[in-house]
Structure formats: structure tokens, C-alpha cells
Amino acid sequence: MWNWSNELQNIIPDKVERESLLTELINEFLEKERAQDRYLFVHRYWFGESIEELCGQTGYGASRIKSSLFRMRKRLKNYLEGRYRI
């Protein structure tokens, strides 16, 4: 089950009520993302790993990881809004 942090909570449409549908949409979104971005997203929001843990695993700086996750959340929001009226 996804770890709906505050970072994601603001972009998940209320109209998407069924978690299975939401999971399917997120998986579709992730399939289109670059492997490194997918890794960051899944490890942050599925496994609940901290930015510091991701830094250690990837060798990326915290700013890069935070920026990548921010941009992905923005793309995810646009992706979901394209399928549902929020």
C-alpha cells in the first residue's frame, strides 16, 4: 500500500475513491518515467525512505532528490488531472 505522505496528499484527487484504481493510474504514470526517477518515487513513497537514505543509495545530493521528487509530483498531478476533473 502506498505511503500517502503530505507531499502526495495535496495532489491526489478526491474523486478517485478506489485505491486500486489510483494504484493502477500511478503505475501507468511510473511506467512512463525514467528509471532513476521511478526508483526515487517508489522508494520515497512506497517504502517510506528518507531523503538522506535516498542520498546514500543513489549518491545524489539532497537538493537533486528533492527537486526530482517535486517535479515528479507535479507531473503526477497533471497526469491525474488529465483523467479526472478536480
N, C-alpha and C. Protein backbone atom coordinates (compact mmCIF):
# COMPACT_ATOMS: atom_id res chain seq x y z
N MET A 1 0.84 -1.18 0.00
CA MET A 1 0.00 0.00 0.00
C MET A 1 0.89 1.24 0.00
N TRP A 2 0.46 2.26 -0.73
CA TRP A 2 1.23 3.49 -0.82
C TRP A 2 1.25 4.24 0.50
N ASN A 3 2.38 4.86 0.77
CA ASN A 3 2.56 5.69 1.96
C ASN A 3 2.19 7.12 1.54
N TRP A 4 0.95 7.52 1.76
CA TRP A 4 0.47 8.83 1.31
C TRP A 4 0.99 9.92 2.23
N SER A 5 2.18 10.40 1.95
CA SER A 5 2.76 11.47 2.75
C SER A 5 2.06 12.78 2.43
N ASN A 6 2.36 13.79 3.22
CA ASN A 6 1.79 15.12 2.97
C ASN A 6 2.19 15.63 1.60
N GLU A 7 3.37 15.21 1.12
CA GLU A 7 3.84 15.67 -0.18
C GLU A 7 2.91 15.20 -1.30
N LEU A 8 2.35 14.01 -1.17
CA LEU A 8 1.46 13.48 -2.19
C LEU A 8 0.00 13.79 -1.92
N GLN A 9 -0.35 13.94 -0.67
CA GLN A 9 -1.75 14.11 -0.28
C GLN A 9 -2.42 15.28 -1.01
N ASN A 10 -1.65 16.34 -1.26
CA ASN A 10 -2.22 17.55 -1.87
C ASN A 10 -2.54 17.40 -3.35
N ILE A 11 -2.00 16.36 -4.00
CA ILE A 11 -2.23 16.24 -5.44
C ILE A 11 -3.12 15.07 -5.82
N ILE A 12 -3.52 14.25 -4.85
CA ILE A 12 -4.38 13.11 -5.14
C ILE A 12 -5.83 13.60 -5.20
N PRO A 13 -6.48 13.42 -6.34
CA PRO A 13 -7.85 13.91 -6.47
C PRO A 13 -8.81 13.19 -5.54
N ASP A 14 -9.69 13.96 -4.93
CA ASP A 14 -10.70 13.38 -4.04
C ASP A 14 -11.66 12.47 -4.80
N LYS A 15 -11.85 12.76 -6.07
CA LYS A 15 -12.81 11.98 -6.85
C LYS A 15 -12.33 10.56 -7.13
N VAL A 16 -11.06 10.31 -6.98
CA VAL A 16 -10.54 8.96 -7.17
C VAL A 16 -10.68 8.25 -5.84
N GLU A 17 -11.75 7.51 -5.68
CA GLU A 17 -12.06 6.92 -4.38
C GLU A 17 -11.50 5.53 -4.22
N ARG A 18 -11.36 4.81 -5.27
CA ARG A 18 -10.92 3.43 -5.15
C ARG A 18 -9.40 3.37 -5.22
N GLU A 19 -8.80 2.85 -4.16
CA GLU A 19 -7.34 2.79 -4.11
C GLU A 19 -6.77 1.93 -5.23
N SER A 20 -7.47 0.89 -5.62
CA SER A 20 -6.96 0.04 -6.69
C SER A 20 -6.87 0.81 -8.00
N LEU A 21 -7.84 1.66 -8.27
CA LEU A 21 -7.80 2.48 -9.48
C LEU A 21 -6.66 3.49 -9.39
N LEU A 22 -6.50 4.10 -8.25
CA LEU A 22 -5.42 5.06 -8.06
C LEU A 22 -4.07 4.38 -8.22
N THR A 23 -3.92 3.19 -7.65
CA THR A 23 -2.67 2.44 -7.79
C THR A 23 -2.39 2.15 -9.26
N GLU A 24 -3.42 1.76 -9.98
CA GLU A 24 -3.27 1.48 -11.41
C GLU A 24 -2.81 2.73 -12.17
N LEU A 25 -3.42 3.86 -11.86
CA LEU A 25 -3.04 5.11 -12.53
C LEU A 25 -1.61 5.52 -12.19
N ILE A 26 -1.22 5.34 -10.94
CA ILE A 26 0.16 5.69 -10.55
C ILE A 26 1.14 4.76 -11.25
N ASN A 27 0.81 3.48 -11.34
CA ASN A 27 1.69 2.54 -12.04
C ASN A 27 1.83 2.91 -13.52
N GLU A 28 0.72 3.30 -14.16
CA GLU A 28 0.78 3.76 -15.55
C GLU A 28 1.69 4.98 -15.67
N PHE A 29 1.54 5.90 -14.74
CA PHE A 29 2.38 7.10 -14.74
C PHE A 29 3.86 6.72 -14.60
N LEU A 30 4.15 5.84 -13.65
CA LEU A 30 5.54 5.47 -13.38
C LEU A 30 6.19 4.74 -14.55
N GLU A 31 5.41 3.97 -15.30
CA GLU A 31 5.95 3.27 -16.46
C GLU A 31 6.53 4.23 -17.49
N LYS A 32 6.02 5.44 -17.52
CA LYS A 32 6.46 6.44 -18.49
C LYS A 32 7.63 7.28 -17.99
N GLU A 33 7.97 7.13 -16.73
CA GLU A 33 9.05 7.92 -16.14
C GLU A 33 10.40 7.23 -16.34
N ARG A 34 11.47 8.00 -16.22
CA ARG A 34 12.82 7.44 -16.30
C ARG A 34 13.06 6.52 -15.12
N ALA A 35 13.90 5.52 -15.32
CA ALA A 35 14.17 4.52 -14.28
C ALA A 35 14.65 5.16 -12.99
N GLN A 36 15.54 6.15 -13.07
CA GLN A 36 16.08 6.76 -11.86
C GLN A 36 15.00 7.54 -11.11
N ASP A 37 14.11 8.19 -11.83
CA ASP A 37 13.01 8.91 -11.19
C ASP A 37 12.02 7.93 -10.56
N ARG A 38 11.74 6.86 -11.29
CA ARG A 38 10.86 5.81 -10.76
C ARG A 38 11.41 5.26 -9.44
N TYR A 39 12.72 5.01 -9.42
CA TYR A 39 13.37 4.49 -8.22
C TYR A 39 13.15 5.44 -7.04
N LEU A 40 13.41 6.72 -7.25
CA LEU A 40 13.25 7.70 -6.18
C LEU A 40 11.81 7.74 -5.69
N PHE A 41 10.88 7.78 -6.62
CA PHE A 41 9.46 7.87 -6.26
C PHE A 41 9.02 6.66 -5.45
N VAL A 42 9.31 5.48 -5.92
CA VAL A 42 8.87 4.25 -5.25
C VAL A 42 9.52 4.11 -3.88
N HIS A 43 10.81 4.40 -3.81
CA HIS A 43 11.50 4.24 -2.52
C HIS A 43 11.07 5.31 -1.52
N ARG A 44 10.72 6.48 -2.00
CA ARG A 44 10.26 7.54 -1.09
C ARG A 44 8.82 7.30 -0.63
N TYR A 45 7.93 7.01 -1.58
CA TYR A 45 6.50 6.99 -1.26
C TYR A 45 5.92 5.60 -1.04
N TRP A 46 6.59 4.56 -1.48
CA TRP A 46 6.10 3.20 -1.21
C TRP A 46 6.82 2.64 0.01
N PHE A 47 8.16 2.74 -0.01
CA PHE A 47 8.94 2.19 1.10
C PHE A 47 9.13 3.18 2.24
N GLY A 48 8.79 4.45 2.01
CA GLY A 48 8.87 5.47 3.05
C GLY A 48 10.29 5.84 3.45
N GLU A 49 11.22 5.71 2.52
CA GLU A 49 12.61 6.04 2.84
C GLU A 49 12.81 7.55 2.89
N SER A 50 13.73 7.96 3.72
CA SER A 50 14.01 9.38 3.89
C SER A 50 14.87 9.89 2.74
N ILE A 51 14.93 11.20 2.62
CA ILE A 51 15.80 11.83 1.63
C ILE A 51 17.25 11.42 1.88
N GLU A 52 17.63 11.39 3.15
CA GLU A 52 19.00 11.01 3.50
C GLU A 52 19.31 9.58 3.07
N GLU A 53 18.35 8.68 3.26
CA GLU A 53 18.55 7.29 2.82
C GLU A 53 18.71 7.22 1.30
N LEU A 54 17.89 7.99 0.60
CA LEU A 54 17.99 8.01 -0.86
C LEU A 54 19.32 8.58 -1.32
N CYS A 55 19.82 9.58 -0.61
CA CYS A 55 21.14 10.13 -0.93
C CYS A 55 22.21 9.05 -0.83
N GLY A 56 22.17 8.29 0.25
CA GLY A 56 23.14 7.23 0.45
C GLY A 56 23.04 6.13 -0.60
N GLN A 57 21.84 5.83 -1.03
CA GLN A 57 21.63 4.76 -2.00
C GLN A 57 22.00 5.17 -3.42
N THR A 58 21.78 6.43 -3.75
CA THR A 58 21.96 6.86 -5.13
C THR A 58 23.23 7.67 -5.37
N GLY A 59 23.77 8.26 -4.31
CA GLY A 59 24.91 9.15 -4.48
C GLY A 59 24.51 10.55 -4.90
N TYR A 60 23.22 10.80 -5.03
CA TYR A 60 22.72 12.13 -5.39
C TYR A 60 22.67 13.00 -4.14
N GLY A 61 22.75 14.31 -4.34
CA GLY A 61 22.59 15.24 -3.25
C GLY A 61 21.12 15.40 -2.88
N ALA A 62 20.88 15.89 -1.67
CA ALA A 62 19.51 16.07 -1.20
C ALA A 62 18.73 17.03 -2.09
N SER A 63 19.36 18.10 -2.55
CA SER A 63 18.67 19.07 -3.42
C SER A 63 18.20 18.43 -4.71
N ARG A 64 19.05 17.61 -5.29
CA ARG A 64 18.68 16.93 -6.54
C ARG A 64 17.49 16.00 -6.32
N ILE A 65 17.52 15.24 -5.23
CA ILE A 65 16.44 14.31 -4.95
C ILE A 65 15.14 15.06 -4.69
N LYS A 66 15.21 16.10 -3.86
CA LYS A 66 14.01 16.89 -3.57
C LYS A 66 13.44 17.52 -4.84
N SER A 67 14.30 18.04 -5.69
CA SER A 67 13.85 18.65 -6.94
C SER A 67 13.21 17.61 -7.86
N SER A 68 13.84 16.45 -7.96
CA SER A 68 13.29 15.38 -8.80
C SER A 68 11.92 14.95 -8.31
N LEU A 69 11.79 14.77 -7.00
CA LEU A 69 10.51 14.36 -6.43
C LEU A 69 9.45 15.44 -6.62
N PHE A 70 9.84 16.70 -6.46
CA PHE A 70 8.91 17.81 -6.66
C PHE A 70 8.38 17.81 -8.10
N ARG A 71 9.30 17.68 -9.06
CA ARG A 71 8.89 17.68 -10.47
C ARG A 71 8.01 16.47 -10.78
N MET A 72 8.33 15.33 -10.18
CA MET A 72 7.50 14.14 -10.41
C MET A 72 6.11 14.32 -9.84
N ARG A 73 6.01 14.91 -8.65
CA ARG A 73 4.69 15.15 -8.07
C ARG A 73 3.87 16.08 -8.97
N LYS A 74 4.54 17.07 -9.53
CA LYS A 74 3.86 18.00 -10.43
C LYS A 74 3.38 17.27 -11.69
N ARG A 75 4.24 16.41 -12.26
CA ARG A 75 3.84 15.64 -13.44
C ARG A 75 2.71 14.67 -13.10
N LEU A 76 2.79 14.05 -11.91
CA LEU A 76 1.73 13.13 -11.48
C LEU A 76 0.41 13.87 -11.34
N LYS A 77 0.45 15.05 -10.76
CA LYS A 77 -0.77 15.84 -10.62
C LYS A 77 -1.39 16.12 -11.98
N ASN A 78 -0.57 16.55 -12.93
CA ASN A 78 -1.07 16.82 -14.28
C ASN A 78 -1.62 15.56 -14.93
N TYR A 79 -0.95 14.45 -14.71
CA TYR A 79 -1.39 13.16 -15.26
C TYR A 79 -2.76 12.79 -14.71
N LEU A 80 -2.92 12.90 -13.40
CA LEU A 80 -4.20 12.55 -12.78
C LEU A 80 -5.30 13.53 -13.17
N GLU A 81 -4.96 14.82 -13.23
CA GLU A 81 -5.96 15.83 -13.62
C GLU A 81 -6.41 15.62 -15.06
N GLY A 82 -5.54 15.07 -15.89
CA GLY A 82 -5.91 14.79 -17.27
C GLY A 82 -6.94 13.69 -17.39
N ARG A 83 -7.10 12.92 -16.35
CA ARG A 83 -8.04 11.81 -16.36
C ARG A 83 -9.28 12.08 -15.52
N TYR A 84 -9.19 13.04 -14.61
CA TYR A 84 -10.30 13.36 -13.70
C TYR A 84 -10.41 14.86 -13.55
N ARG A 85 -11.60 15.34 -13.43
CA ARG A 85 -11.83 16.76 -13.14
C ARG A 85 -11.74 16.95 -11.64
N ILE A 86 -10.80 17.78 -11.22
CA ILE A 86 -10.61 18.02 -9.78
C ILE A 86 -11.33 19.29 -9.40
